Amino acid sequence: MIAEHISEELGSVKAKKFRLRLKEISKKELLESLKQPGNIDISLVNSQVCRRLIDRIFGFEISPVLWKVLKISGLSAGRVQSAVLKWLCEREIEIRNFNPEEYVSLKAIINTKDGEWELNYLLEEEEGRLNKEKSNQLLELFKVNPDGSLKKEVPFQSIEMGTKKFTNNAPRAFTTASLQETAAKVLNLNPTQTMRIAQALYEGKKVNGEIFGLITYMRTDSTRVSDAKKKLATQYLRENFPKLEIINQTANKSKLHAQDAHEAIVPTDPRLIPERIKQFLTKDESAIYNLIWQRLMTSLLAPEKGIDHSFIFESKGEKWKRIQREVVSNGYKDFYNSDKLLEKKQVKIKIGDVFPCQKFLVENKVTSPKERYTPGQIIAKMEKTGIGRPSTYSQTLETLKKRKYILEVKSRLGVSRLGENVNGFLINNFSELIGETFTKNMESSLDDLANGIGDKIQLIDSFYKTVLKLKKGKYSTEPTKAESIKSKDAKAQTFVTEKKESIQKSICPICGSGEVRSKFSKNGKTIYFCSRYPQCDFVSYEPNKN
């Protein structure tokens, strides 16, 4: 769009106008682009104009409704941010309504040729987790002491064995989402920090007196790597890692909504190893560059391969199971241990082998709710479902934080009461516009425009009419709990609301009349409290079981 605006300002200039596209900031890339200059792609311009108009229609038409009905100024609604807020609220509700269940983890320890093996008690499929009654029966049958030791050694015999080959492919070169997710896991950097560092590496750093970009454009949903960079990386691997198998499989992942306008995030020169430029970068810049460089190198290597052996053991008429992994080839994993290649594990146990058992491991456990999303997980979900674009992933989360709809504690995203109220209102009155399917389909329509398919006026008109139609309805402000239900044919998702009255209420164990409610606390935990607070002072970090 910037190029289009400049072209309009130039207006009647008679000279020919060209559009240069740079995927990296380097002398080579600039010279190549000058040799083959392009023109402004009006389809891309139309798509971007349409995207901006639709987002503004959504915000300008719906945000004032939030101010008026919820009586709080400064609230905002956004086409993408509201869909993401919905996901976070759904997870919050799952945690809030979770009912913990007690169960027993029971394992037998046998001494084999490969060392100690832990065997899990083989449950019948319909039984689910091992309950205390069955556990006590087994402890009595095998005469297990309180410390887990057996009063008498018991033989366990291998009676069944199955094998299944496995292949773990090397991760593909980074997209925006996968870089942000990996940086969060490995370096504990949030998406905004990661993108700021990547931006600096892209714009250029002074290395040996010369300034040039170290990585390709960092806002992309493609895993494609150019032939030139693959050739340089392959050459480096052959010279420095001759024992590793190179397979060169870095084709773009199958993804209908991938724009593929830019290649993956890779070094502009794969031969520029992290150690050579470490002194010219900050600690975080060096760490991010190292991640990107290693990811490119390993993406060209063979997968890890092996066999999963499943064993069934029998003792005293009871069956126990163990899955043992045998690695046949470490593949790309040997890249990280080039000085000493990883040992390959082999399984030597056969059917009929008998091994002694002298100990059990007995643990009383309680099921846990799902964890709240990390920023990286949410961004990965945005990429997978086709909601939003690489350039706006981290910006979407920052907007939700700025509006105080969500908060981040210990790298986990929780929803504030304000965020729940806004989400509840949007679900009640504008569910058509914030559903995952609607948002994803809109992104697909915008992608079609970028490819010269469809009409931008028709798309904008259709969206605007939908917004106006929903605005004319009578607004509901009843509290809601939103959940998504996948249709049986998996062709769409239908979003429904569940009224507060229909949710199983949890009564306060102290006063007996208030409801147990919860919120995301500042220490990152879920805190449960009585709705009658401060009249009732019930507070707990444990969910109420009634």
Protein backbone atom coordinates (compact mmCIF):
# COMPACT_ATOMS: atom_id res chain seq x y z
CA MET A 1 0.00 0.00 0.00
CA ILE A 2 2.91 2.36 0.66
CA ALA A 3 4.13 1.85 -2.91
CA GLU A 4 0.62 2.55 -4.22
CA HIS A 5 0.41 5.80 -2.23
CA ILE A 6 3.82 6.92 -3.51
CA SER A 7 2.71 6.09 -7.06
CA GLU A 8 -0.42 8.23 -6.62
CA GLU A 9 1.64 11.15 -5.27
CA LEU A 10 3.97 10.95 -8.27
CA GLY A 11 0.86 11.26 -10.38
CA SER A 12 1.66 12.60 -13.84
CA VAL A 13 5.38 11.79 -13.79
CA LYS A 14 6.05 10.35 -17.23
CA ALA A 15 8.92 8.07 -16.25
CA LYS A 16 8.18 4.38 -15.76
CA LYS A 17 7.45 3.33 -12.19
CA PHE A 18 8.53 0.00 -10.74
CA ARG A 19 8.00 -1.86 -7.46
CA LEU A 20 11.02 -3.58 -5.85
CA ARG A 21 10.34 -6.51 -3.52
CA LEU A 22 13.09 -7.29 -1.01
CA LYS A 23 12.80 -10.38 1.15
CA GLU A 24 16.12 -9.51 2.79
CA ILE A 25 18.29 -6.44 3.14
CA SER A 26 21.48 -7.35 1.37
CA LYS A 27 23.51 -6.05 -1.56
CA LYS A 28 22.92 -9.25 -3.55
CA GLU A 29 19.15 -9.11 -3.07
CA LEU A 30 19.01 -5.42 -4.04
CA LEU A 31 21.02 -5.99 -7.23
CA GLU A 32 18.86 -8.97 -8.19
CA SER A 33 15.68 -6.94 -7.65
CA LEU A 34 17.01 -4.07 -9.76
CA LYS A 35 17.63 -6.51 -12.61
CA GLN A 36 14.01 -7.70 -12.50
CA PRO A 37 11.87 -4.87 -11.11
CA GLY A 38 8.17 -5.57 -10.74
CA ASN A 39 5.02 -3.50 -10.82
CA ILE A 40 2.46 -2.69 -8.17
CA ASP A 41 0.11 -5.64 -7.79
CA ILE A 42 -3.31 -4.02 -7.61
CA SER A 43 -4.83 -7.28 -6.33
CA LEU A 44 -2.61 -7.13 -3.24
CA VAL A 45 -3.53 -3.47 -2.78
CA ASN A 46 -7.25 -4.26 -3.03
CA SER A 47 -6.90 -7.06 -0.49
CA GLN A 48 -5.10 -4.83 2.00
CA VAL A 49 -7.56 -1.96 1.51
CA CYS A 50 -10.45 -4.36 2.03
CA ARG A 51 -8.84 -5.84 5.16
CA ARG A 52 -8.36 -2.41 6.70
CA LEU A 53 -11.90 -1.28 5.89
CA ILE A 54 -13.47 -4.45 7.30
CA ASP A 55 -11.42 -4.16 10.49
CA ARG A 56 -12.42 -0.51 10.85
CA ILE A 57 -16.10 -1.25 10.22
CA PHE A 58 -15.94 -3.93 12.91
CA GLY A 59 -14.21 -1.66 15.42
CA PHE A 60 -16.04 1.60 14.68
CA GLU A 61 -19.51 0.02 14.59
CA ILE A 62 -19.28 -2.41 17.51
CA SER A 63 -16.95 -0.66 19.98
CA PRO A 64 -19.44 2.20 20.66
CA VAL A 65 -22.08 -0.43 21.41
CA LEU A 66 -19.79 -1.82 24.12
CA TRP A 67 -19.35 1.65 25.62
CA LYS A 68 -23.08 2.28 25.67
CA VAL A 69 -24.35 -1.08 26.92
CA LEU A 70 -21.54 -2.01 29.34
CA LYS A 71 -21.23 1.64 30.41
CA ILE A 72 -17.41 1.63 30.24
CA SER A 73 -15.66 4.05 27.91
CA GLY A 74 -12.55 3.01 26.02
CA LEU A 75 -13.63 -0.57 25.33
CA SER A 76 -12.85 -1.97 21.92
CA ALA A 77 -13.86 -4.88 19.73
CA GLY A 78 -11.80 -6.22 16.85
CA ARG A 79 -12.36 -8.82 14.18
CA VAL A 80 -9.32 -10.88 15.18
CA GLN A 81 -8.82 -9.83 18.80
CA SER A 82 -12.42 -10.77 19.71
CA ALA A 83 -11.98 -14.26 18.25
CA VAL A 84 -8.75 -14.71 20.26
CA LEU A 85 -10.41 -13.38 23.42
CA LYS A 86 -13.11 -15.98 22.91
CA TRP A 87 -10.53 -18.78 22.88
CA LEU A 88 -9.00 -17.53 26.12
CA CYS A 89 -12.41 -17.25 27.77
CA GLU A 90 -13.33 -20.78 26.69
CA ARG A 91 -10.15 -22.11 28.32
CA GLU A 92 -10.90 -20.10 31.46
CA ILE A 93 -14.36 -21.68 31.65
CA GLU A 94 -12.89 -25.17 31.17
CA ILE A 95 -10.59 -24.54 34.13
CA ARG A 96 -13.36 -23.03 36.24
CA ASN A 97 -15.82 -25.87 35.65
CA PHE A 98 -13.22 -28.62 35.99
CA ASN A 99 -14.07 -31.33 38.51
CA PRO A 100 -10.93 -33.08 39.83
CA GLU A 101 -11.00 -36.87 40.09
CA GLU A 102 -8.85 -38.99 42.36
CA TYR A 103 -7.07 -42.04 40.95
CA VAL A 104 -4.09 -44.28 41.66
CA SER A 105 -0.95 -44.63 39.57
CA LEU A 106 0.36 -48.16 40.01
CA LYS A 107 3.61 -49.36 38.46
CA ALA A 108 5.63 -52.54 38.84
CA ILE A 109 9.44 -52.29 38.63
CA ILE A 110 11.15 -55.24 36.96
CA ASN A 111 14.87 -55.84 36.40
CA THR A 112 15.62 -56.52 32.71
CA LYS A 113 18.67 -56.80 30.46
CA ASP A 114 18.14 -53.12 29.64
CA GLY A 115 18.00 -52.05 33.27
CA GLU A 116 14.92 -51.29 35.38
CA TRP A 117 11.60 -51.07 33.53
CA GLU A 118 8.45 -49.47 34.87
CA LEU A 119 5.32 -51.40 33.90
CA ASN A 120 1.91 -49.75 33.96
CA TYR A 121 -1.06 -51.79 35.09
CA LEU A 122 -3.09 -52.67 32.00
CA LEU A 123 -6.59 -51.32 32.46
CA GLU A 124 -9.58 -52.51 30.51
CA GLU A 125 -10.59 -49.75 28.12
CA GLU A 126 -13.95 -49.15 29.75
CA GLU A 127 -12.48 -48.82 33.23
CA GLY A 128 -10.49 -45.65 32.63
CA ARG A 129 -8.17 -44.71 35.49
CA LEU A 130 -7.29 -47.12 38.26
CA ASN A 131 -9.49 -46.53 41.31
CA LYS A 132 -8.55 -47.09 44.94
CA GLU A 133 -10.62 -50.24 45.34
CA LYS A 134 -8.91 -52.04 42.46
CA SER A 135 -5.53 -50.69 43.56
CA ASN A 136 -5.97 -52.11 47.07
CA GLN A 137 -6.90 -55.49 45.59
CA LEU A 138 -3.69 -55.54 43.55
CA LEU A 139 -1.54 -54.44 46.50
CA GLU A 140 -3.03 -57.27 48.54
CA LEU A 141 -2.58 -59.80 45.71
CA PHE A 142 1.12 -58.96 45.25
CA LYS A 143 1.72 -58.50 49.00
CA VAL A 144 3.13 -55.00 48.74
CA ASN A 145 4.59 -53.36 51.85
CA PRO A 146 3.75 -49.71 52.73
CA ASP A 147 7.11 -48.58 51.30
CA GLY A 148 6.36 -50.27 47.95
CA SER A 149 8.66 -53.25 48.42
CA LEU A 150 7.27 -56.75 47.93
CA LYS A 151 7.33 -59.26 50.78
CA LYS A 152 8.39 -61.85 48.24
CA GLU A 153 9.96 -61.48 44.78
CA VAL A 154 7.39 -62.04 42.03
CA PRO A 155 8.16 -63.18 38.42
CA PHE A 156 6.79 -61.19 35.45
CA GLN A 157 6.70 -62.92 32.06
CA SER A 158 6.58 -61.26 28.63
CA ILE A 159 3.54 -62.78 26.86
CA GLU A 160 2.85 -60.40 23.95
CA MET A 161 4.94 -58.11 21.82
CA GLY A 162 4.05 -55.67 19.05
CA THR A 163 6.13 -53.32 16.95
CA LYS A 164 5.36 -50.08 15.19
CA LYS A 165 7.80 -47.99 13.18
CA PHE A 166 8.00 -44.29 13.93
CA THR A 167 9.44 -41.33 12.05
CA ASN A 168 10.05 -37.90 13.56
CA ASN A 169 10.70 -35.40 10.80
CA ALA A 170 12.95 -32.44 11.42
CA PRO A 171 11.01 -29.22 12.15
CA ARG A 172 10.66 -27.01 9.08
CA ALA A 173 12.29 -23.61 8.80
CA PHE A 174 10.69 -20.93 10.96
CA THR A 175 7.48 -19.07 10.25
CA THR A 176 6.59 -16.04 12.37
CA ALA A 177 4.40 -18.16 14.63
CA SER A 178 6.86 -21.02 15.10
CA LEU A 179 9.73 -18.59 15.80
CA GLN A 180 7.70 -16.84 18.48
CA GLU A 181 6.60 -20.11 20.04
CA THR A 182 10.12 -21.58 20.06
CA ALA A 183 11.70 -18.40 21.42
CA ALA A 184 9.17 -18.45 24.26
CA LYS A 185 9.98 -22.07 25.13
CA VAL A 186 13.74 -21.95 24.72
CA LEU A 187 14.65 -18.35 25.57
CA ASN A 188 11.64 -17.25 27.65
CA LEU A 189 11.02 -14.29 25.33
CA ASN A 190 7.51 -13.01 24.72
CA PRO A 191 6.30 -12.52 21.12
CA THR A 192 6.84 -8.75 21.18
CA GLN A 193 10.45 -9.14 22.36
CA THR A 194 11.10 -11.82 19.74
CA MET A 195 9.76 -9.69 16.89
CA ARG A 196 11.71 -6.63 18.03
CA ILE A 197 14.95 -8.65 18.03
CA ALA A 198 14.14 -10.28 14.68
CA GLN A 199 13.37 -6.84 13.22
CA ALA A 200 16.85 -5.65 14.24
CA LEU A 201 18.47 -8.72 12.66
CA TYR A 202 16.46 -8.16 9.48
CA GLU A 203 17.21 -4.43 9.20
CA GLY A 204 20.91 -5.05 9.56
CA LYS A 205 23.82 -5.24 11.99
CA LYS A 206 27.37 -4.00 11.56
CA VAL A 207 29.61 -7.02 11.07
CA ASN A 208 33.32 -6.51 10.29
CA GLY A 209 32.66 -2.92 9.28
CA GLU A 210 29.75 -3.68 6.93
CA ILE A 211 26.04 -3.31 7.70
CA PHE A 212 23.70 -5.88 6.21
CA GLY A 213 20.60 -7.84 7.11
CA LEU A 214 21.31 -11.15 8.83
CA ILE A 215 17.92 -12.81 8.32
CA THR A 216 15.12 -12.76 5.77
CA TYR A 217 11.81 -10.96 6.34
CA MET A 218 10.44 -12.05 9.70
CA ARG A 219 6.69 -11.75 9.03
CA THR A 220 5.78 -14.84 7.05
CA ASP A 221 3.58 -17.93 7.20
CA SER A 222 5.69 -19.88 4.70
CA THR A 223 8.28 -22.60 5.39
CA ARG A 224 9.67 -22.40 1.86
CA VAL A 225 13.43 -21.91 1.55
CA SER A 226 14.96 -20.53 -1.63
CA ASP A 227 17.09 -22.86 -3.76
CA ALA A 228 20.10 -20.57 -3.35
CA LYS A 229 19.99 -20.73 0.45
CA LYS A 230 19.37 -24.47 0.45
CA LYS A 231 22.43 -24.90 -1.74
CA LEU A 232 24.65 -22.85 0.59
CA ALA A 233 23.32 -24.59 3.71
CA THR A 234 23.74 -28.03 2.12
CA GLN A 235 27.30 -27.19 1.14
CA TYR A 236 28.07 -26.13 4.72
CA LEU A 237 26.57 -29.35 6.14
CA ARG A 238 28.54 -31.57 3.77
CA GLU A 239 31.80 -29.84 4.64
CA ASN A 240 31.27 -29.73 8.42
CA PHE A 241 28.91 -32.63 9.15
CA PRO A 242 29.85 -35.33 6.61
CA LYS A 243 28.27 -38.14 8.66
CA LEU A 244 24.78 -36.59 8.64
CA GLU A 245 22.22 -37.58 6.00
CA ILE A 246 20.86 -34.62 3.99
CA ILE A 247 17.42 -34.99 2.40
CA ASN A 248 16.68 -31.35 1.47
CA GLN A 249 12.95 -31.51 2.25
CA THR A 250 11.90 -27.94 2.95
CA ALA A 251 8.87 -27.55 0.70
CA ASN A 252 6.16 -25.27 2.07
CA LYS A 253 3.82 -26.96 4.50
CA SER A 254 0.35 -27.75 3.26
CA LYS A 255 -1.82 -24.87 4.36
CA LEU A 256 -4.65 -23.42 2.36
CA HIS A 257 -4.47 -19.98 3.93
CA ALA A 258 -0.69 -19.58 3.62
CA GLN A 259 0.03 -16.51 1.53
CA ASP A 260 3.62 -17.66 0.81
CA ALA A 261 4.56 -14.10 -0.20
CA HIS A 262 7.88 -14.46 1.63
CA GLU A 263 10.11 -17.44 2.23
CA ALA A 264 10.70 -18.82 5.71
CA ILE A 265 12.75 -16.95 8.30
CA VAL A 266 16.32 -18.06 7.55
CA PRO A 267 19.81 -16.51 7.59
CA THR A 268 20.60 -14.41 4.51
CA ASP A 269 23.89 -16.31 4.31
CA PRO A 270 23.70 -19.79 5.91
CA ARG A 271 27.52 -19.97 5.93
CA LEU A 272 27.58 -17.18 8.50
CA ILE A 273 27.61 -19.38 11.59
CA PRO A 274 26.49 -17.96 14.96
CA GLU A 275 29.96 -18.13 16.51
CA ARG A 276 31.45 -15.87 13.81
CA ILE A 277 29.06 -12.97 14.50
CA LYS A 278 28.38 -13.47 18.21
CA GLN A 279 30.66 -10.55 19.17
CA PHE A 280 28.67 -8.12 17.00
CA LEU A 281 25.27 -8.93 18.55
CA THR A 282 23.57 -8.53 21.89
CA LYS A 283 22.97 -11.65 23.94
CA ASP A 284 19.32 -11.93 22.85
CA GLU A 285 20.12 -11.14 19.20
CA SER A 286 22.77 -13.85 19.20
CA ALA A 287 20.34 -16.34 20.77
CA ILE A 288 17.60 -15.63 18.20
CA TYR A 289 20.04 -15.81 15.29
CA ASN A 290 21.35 -19.13 16.62
CA LEU A 291 17.79 -20.51 16.77
CA ILE A 292 17.08 -19.44 13.18
CA TRP A 293 20.40 -20.76 11.85
CA GLN A 294 20.09 -24.14 13.58
CA ARG A 295 16.48 -24.50 12.46
CA LEU A 296 17.46 -24.05 8.81
CA MET A 297 20.31 -26.57 9.07
CA THR A 298 18.27 -29.28 10.79
CA SER A 299 15.32 -28.78 8.40
CA LEU A 300 17.56 -30.17 5.63
CA LEU A 301 18.45 -33.35 7.52
CA ALA A 302 16.93 -36.83 7.63
CA PRO A 303 14.27 -37.67 10.25
CA GLU A 304 14.76 -39.66 13.42
CA LYS A 305 13.61 -43.23 12.81
CA GLY A 306 12.98 -46.20 15.01
CA ILE A 307 10.60 -48.80 16.38
CA ASP A 308 8.16 -48.62 19.27
CA HIS A 309 8.01 -52.01 20.97
CA SER A 310 4.90 -52.69 23.02
CA PHE A 311 5.19 -55.45 25.64
CA ILE A 312 2.49 -57.15 27.68
CA PHE A 313 3.70 -58.85 30.87
CA GLU A 314 1.69 -61.20 33.07
CA SER A 315 2.01 -62.03 36.74
CA LYS A 316 -0.54 -63.71 39.02
CA GLY A 317 -3.15 -63.46 36.29
CA GLU A 318 -2.81 -59.66 36.00
CA LYS A 319 -1.44 -57.88 32.92
CA TRP A 320 0.99 -55.00 32.72
CA LYS A 321 2.21 -52.95 29.78
CA ARG A 322 5.37 -51.20 28.66
CA ILE A 323 6.23 -49.32 25.47
CA GLN A 324 9.95 -49.20 24.79
CA ARG A 325 11.40 -47.04 22.03
CA GLU A 326 14.28 -48.36 19.93
CA VAL A 327 16.09 -45.71 17.91
CA VAL A 328 17.42 -46.98 14.58
CA SER A 329 18.62 -43.62 13.25
CA ASN A 330 18.96 -40.33 15.15
CA GLY A 331 18.70 -38.31 11.95
CA TYR A 332 18.67 -34.55 12.48
CA LYS A 333 19.07 -34.93 16.27
CA ASP A 334 22.74 -35.82 15.77
CA PHE A 335 23.29 -32.23 14.54
CA TYR A 336 22.96 -30.99 18.12
CA ASN A 337 25.49 -33.57 19.34
CA SER A 338 28.01 -33.45 16.50
CA ASP A 339 31.00 -34.00 18.81
CA LYS A 340 29.50 -37.25 20.07
CA LEU A 341 26.71 -38.87 18.09
CA LEU A 342 23.74 -40.03 20.14
CA GLU A 343 23.70 -43.70 21.09
CA LYS A 344 21.12 -45.84 19.34
CA LYS A 345 18.90 -47.76 21.76
CA GLN A 346 18.22 -51.41 21.07
CA VAL A 347 15.62 -53.66 22.67
CA LYS A 348 16.71 -57.24 23.37
CA ILE A 349 13.70 -58.67 25.22
CA LYS A 350 11.72 -61.51 23.65
CA ILE A 351 8.39 -63.20 24.28
CA GLY A 352 8.66 -65.74 27.08
CA ASP A 353 11.42 -63.90 29.00
CA VAL A 354 10.84 -63.79 32.75
CA PHE A 355 12.06 -61.00 35.01
CA PRO A 356 11.93 -60.51 38.79
CA CYS A 357 9.89 -57.77 40.46
CA GLN A 358 10.74 -56.60 43.97
CA LYS A 359 9.11 -53.19 44.06
CA PHE A 360 5.92 -51.28 43.19
CA LEU A 361 5.46 -47.55 42.78
CA VAL A 362 2.15 -46.40 44.24
CA GLU A 363 0.96 -42.80 43.88
CA ASN A 364 -2.39 -41.27 44.76
CA LYS A 365 -3.10 -38.62 42.15
CA VAL A 366 -5.73 -36.05 41.23
CA THR A 367 -6.58 -35.04 37.67
CA SER A 368 -5.62 -31.50 36.69
CA PRO A 369 -7.43 -29.04 34.42
CA LYS A 370 -5.90 -27.88 31.17
CA GLU A 371 -3.31 -25.16 31.55
CA ARG A 372 -3.90 -21.64 30.31
CA TYR A 373 -2.42 -20.82 26.94
CA THR A 374 1.04 -19.35 26.62
CA PRO A 375 1.41 -16.48 24.12
CA GLY A 376 3.29 -18.85 21.82
CA GLN A 377 0.50 -21.43 21.93
CA ILE A 378 -2.14 -18.83 21.08
CA ILE A 379 -0.07 -17.53 18.18
CA ALA A 380 0.47 -21.08 16.92
CA LYS A 381 -3.31 -21.61 17.09
CA MET A 382 -3.89 -18.38 15.16
CA GLU A 383 -1.56 -19.61 12.43
CA LYS A 384 -3.07 -23.10 12.35
CA THR A 385 -6.67 -21.89 12.14
CA GLY A 386 -5.93 -19.07 9.70
CA ILE A 387 -7.01 -16.24 12.00
CA GLY A 388 -4.94 -13.08 11.73
CA ARG A 389 -1.69 -12.63 9.84
CA PRO A 390 2.01 -12.91 10.81
CA SER A 391 2.34 -9.13 10.99
CA THR A 392 -0.43 -8.87 13.59
CA TYR A 393 0.00 -11.97 15.80
CA SER A 394 1.89 -10.34 18.67
CA GLN A 395 0.07 -7.02 18.14
CA THR A 396 -3.27 -8.76 18.76
CA LEU A 397 -2.15 -10.03 22.16
CA GLU A 398 -0.67 -6.66 23.07
CA THR A 399 -3.99 -4.97 22.24
CA LEU A 400 -5.89 -7.39 24.50
CA LYS A 401 -3.43 -6.66 27.31
CA LYS A 402 -3.63 -2.91 26.74
CA ARG A 403 -7.43 -3.04 26.96
CA LYS A 404 -7.02 -5.04 30.19
CA TYR A 405 -9.10 -7.90 28.79
CA ILE A 406 -6.29 -10.35 29.54
CA LEU A 407 -3.20 -10.47 31.71
CA GLU A 408 0.00 -12.48 31.49
CA VAL A 409 1.48 -14.11 34.58
CA LYS A 410 4.45 -16.48 34.38
CA SER A 411 4.04 -16.78 30.61
CA ARG A 412 0.38 -17.82 30.93
CA LEU A 413 -2.56 -15.81 29.62
CA GLY A 414 -5.57 -15.36 31.88
CA VAL A 415 -8.78 -13.41 31.33
CA SER A 416 -9.85 -10.49 33.51
CA ARG A 417 -13.43 -9.98 34.67
CA LEU A 418 -13.67 -7.12 32.16
CA GLY A 419 -12.50 -9.44 29.38
CA GLU A 420 -15.14 -12.00 30.34
CA ASN A 421 -17.87 -9.36 30.35
CA VAL A 422 -16.87 -8.07 26.91
CA ASN A 423 -16.63 -11.61 25.53
CA GLY A 424 -20.00 -12.54 27.03
CA PHE A 425 -21.68 -9.53 25.45
CA LEU A 426 -20.11 -10.22 22.05
CA ILE A 427 -21.12 -13.88 22.20
CA ASN A 428 -24.70 -12.95 23.07
CA ASN A 429 -25.09 -10.34 20.36
CA PHE A 430 -22.38 -10.69 17.68
CA SER A 431 -21.48 -14.38 17.76
CA GLU A 432 -21.69 -14.57 13.95
CA LEU A 433 -18.76 -12.19 13.64
CA ILE A 434 -16.33 -13.68 16.18
CA GLY A 435 -16.76 -17.36 15.46
CA GLU A 436 -13.63 -19.20 14.36
CA THR A 437 -15.22 -20.32 11.09
CA PHE A 438 -16.42 -16.83 10.15
CA THR A 439 -13.05 -15.24 10.92
CA LYS A 440 -11.14 -17.93 9.04
CA ASN A 441 -13.46 -17.70 6.02
CA MET A 442 -12.99 -13.93 5.96
CA GLU A 443 -9.21 -14.41 5.86
CA SER A 444 -9.66 -16.85 2.95
CA SER A 445 -11.81 -14.31 1.08
CA LEU A 446 -9.14 -11.65 1.61
CA ASP A 447 -6.50 -14.08 0.33
CA ASP A 448 -8.65 -14.69 -2.75
CA LEU A 449 -8.71 -10.94 -3.38
CA ALA A 450 -4.91 -10.89 -3.17
CA ASN A 451 -4.90 -13.54 -5.90
CA GLY A 452 -7.28 -11.55 -8.10
CA ILE A 453 -10.39 -13.58 -7.20
CA GLY A 454 -13.58 -11.92 -6.01
CA ASP A 455 -14.78 -8.33 -5.67
CA LYS A 456 -13.71 -6.08 -2.79
CA ILE A 457 -16.83 -3.88 -2.91
CA GLN A 458 -19.09 -6.91 -2.71
CA LEU A 459 -17.12 -8.36 0.21
CA ILE A 460 -17.17 -5.08 2.15
CA ASP A 461 -20.86 -4.53 1.40
CA SER A 462 -21.80 -8.02 2.57
CA PHE A 463 -19.84 -7.63 5.81
CA TYR A 464 -21.23 -4.15 6.50
CA LYS A 465 -24.82 -5.33 6.02
CA THR A 466 -24.22 -8.22 8.44
CA VAL A 467 -22.89 -5.80 11.07
CA LEU A 468 -25.82 -3.40 10.66
CA LYS A 469 -28.32 -6.27 10.86
CA LEU A 470 -26.84 -7.49 14.15
CA LYS A 471 -26.73 -3.95 15.55
CA LYS A 472 -30.48 -3.58 15.03
CA GLY A 473 -31.26 -6.48 17.36
CA LYS A 474 -32.21 -6.17 21.01
CA TYR A 475 -29.02 -6.47 23.03
CA SER A 476 -28.73 -9.14 25.67
CA THR A 477 -26.54 -8.38 28.67
CA GLU A 478 -27.13 -11.63 30.55
CA PRO A 479 -23.95 -13.36 31.74
CA THR A 480 -22.91 -16.08 29.32
CA LYS A 481 -20.44 -18.86 29.17
CA ALA A 482 -19.20 -19.49 25.66
CA GLU A 483 -18.11 -22.80 24.34
CA SER A 484 -17.46 -24.12 20.85
CA ILE A 485 -19.00 -27.31 19.53
CA LYS A 486 -17.55 -29.01 16.50
CA SER A 487 -20.13 -30.28 14.07
CA LYS A 488 -20.16 -34.03 13.45
CA ASP A 489 -19.21 -33.65 9.82
CA ALA A 490 -16.23 -31.48 10.81
CA LYS A 491 -17.10 -29.01 8.05
CA ALA A 492 -17.81 -26.12 10.39
CA GLN A 493 -17.93 -24.97 13.99
CA THR A 494 -21.13 -23.70 15.52
CA PHE A 495 -20.81 -21.29 18.39
CA VAL A 496 -23.43 -21.39 21.07
CA THR A 497 -24.00 -19.73 24.41
CA GLU A 498 -24.68 -21.46 27.63
CA LYS A 499 -26.67 -19.43 30.15
CA LYS A 500 -25.30 -19.10 33.62
CA GLU A 501 -28.34 -20.86 35.05
CA SER A 502 -27.65 -24.02 33.05
CA ILE A 503 -24.14 -24.47 34.42
CA GLN A 504 -23.81 -26.76 37.40
CA LYS A 505 -23.43 -24.43 40.37
CA SER A 506 -20.81 -25.03 43.05
CA ILE A 507 -22.06 -24.00 46.50
CA CYS A 508 -19.73 -22.30 48.98
CA PRO A 509 -18.60 -24.86 51.62
CA ILE A 510 -18.46 -22.18 54.34
CA CYS A 511 -21.72 -20.24 54.16
CA GLY A 512 -23.73 -22.78 52.14
CA SER A 513 -25.62 -20.10 50.21
CA GLY A 514 -23.10 -18.32 47.96
CA GLU A 515 -21.66 -19.69 44.74
CA VAL A 516 -17.99 -20.58 44.35
CA ARG A 517 -16.48 -18.33 41.69
CA SER A 518 -12.94 -18.06 40.37
CA LYS A 519 -10.50 -15.65 38.81
CA PHE A 520 -6.95 -15.57 37.49
CA SER A 521 -4.78 -14.29 40.34
CA LYS A 522 -1.59 -12.23 40.15
CA ASN A 523 0.55 -15.23 41.06
CA GLY A 524 -0.68 -17.13 37.99
CA LYS A 525 -3.03 -19.49 39.84
CA THR A 526 -6.80 -19.84 39.82
CA ILE A 527 -8.26 -18.50 43.06
CA TYR A 528 -11.71 -19.68 44.18
CA PHE A 529 -13.91 -17.44 46.34
CA CYS A 530 -17.49 -17.03 47.53
CA SER A 531 -19.85 -14.80 45.57
CA ARG A 532 -21.00 -13.33 48.91
CA TYR A 533 -17.56 -11.85 49.68
CA PRO A 534 -16.92 -9.88 51.90
CA GLN A 535 -19.86 -11.27 53.92
CA CYS A 536 -18.27 -14.73 53.45
CA ASP A 537 -14.47 -15.00 53.51
CA PHE A 538 -14.10 -18.37 51.74
CA VAL A 539 -10.93 -18.34 49.58
CA SER A 540 -9.05 -21.35 48.20
CA TYR A 541 -6.62 -22.39 45.50
CA GLU A 542 -8.32 -25.79 45.30
CA PRO A 543 -11.55 -26.24 43.28
CA ASN A 544 -14.65 -27.06 45.29
CA LYS A 545 -15.72 -30.71 44.73
CA ASN A 546 -19.44 -30.40 45.51
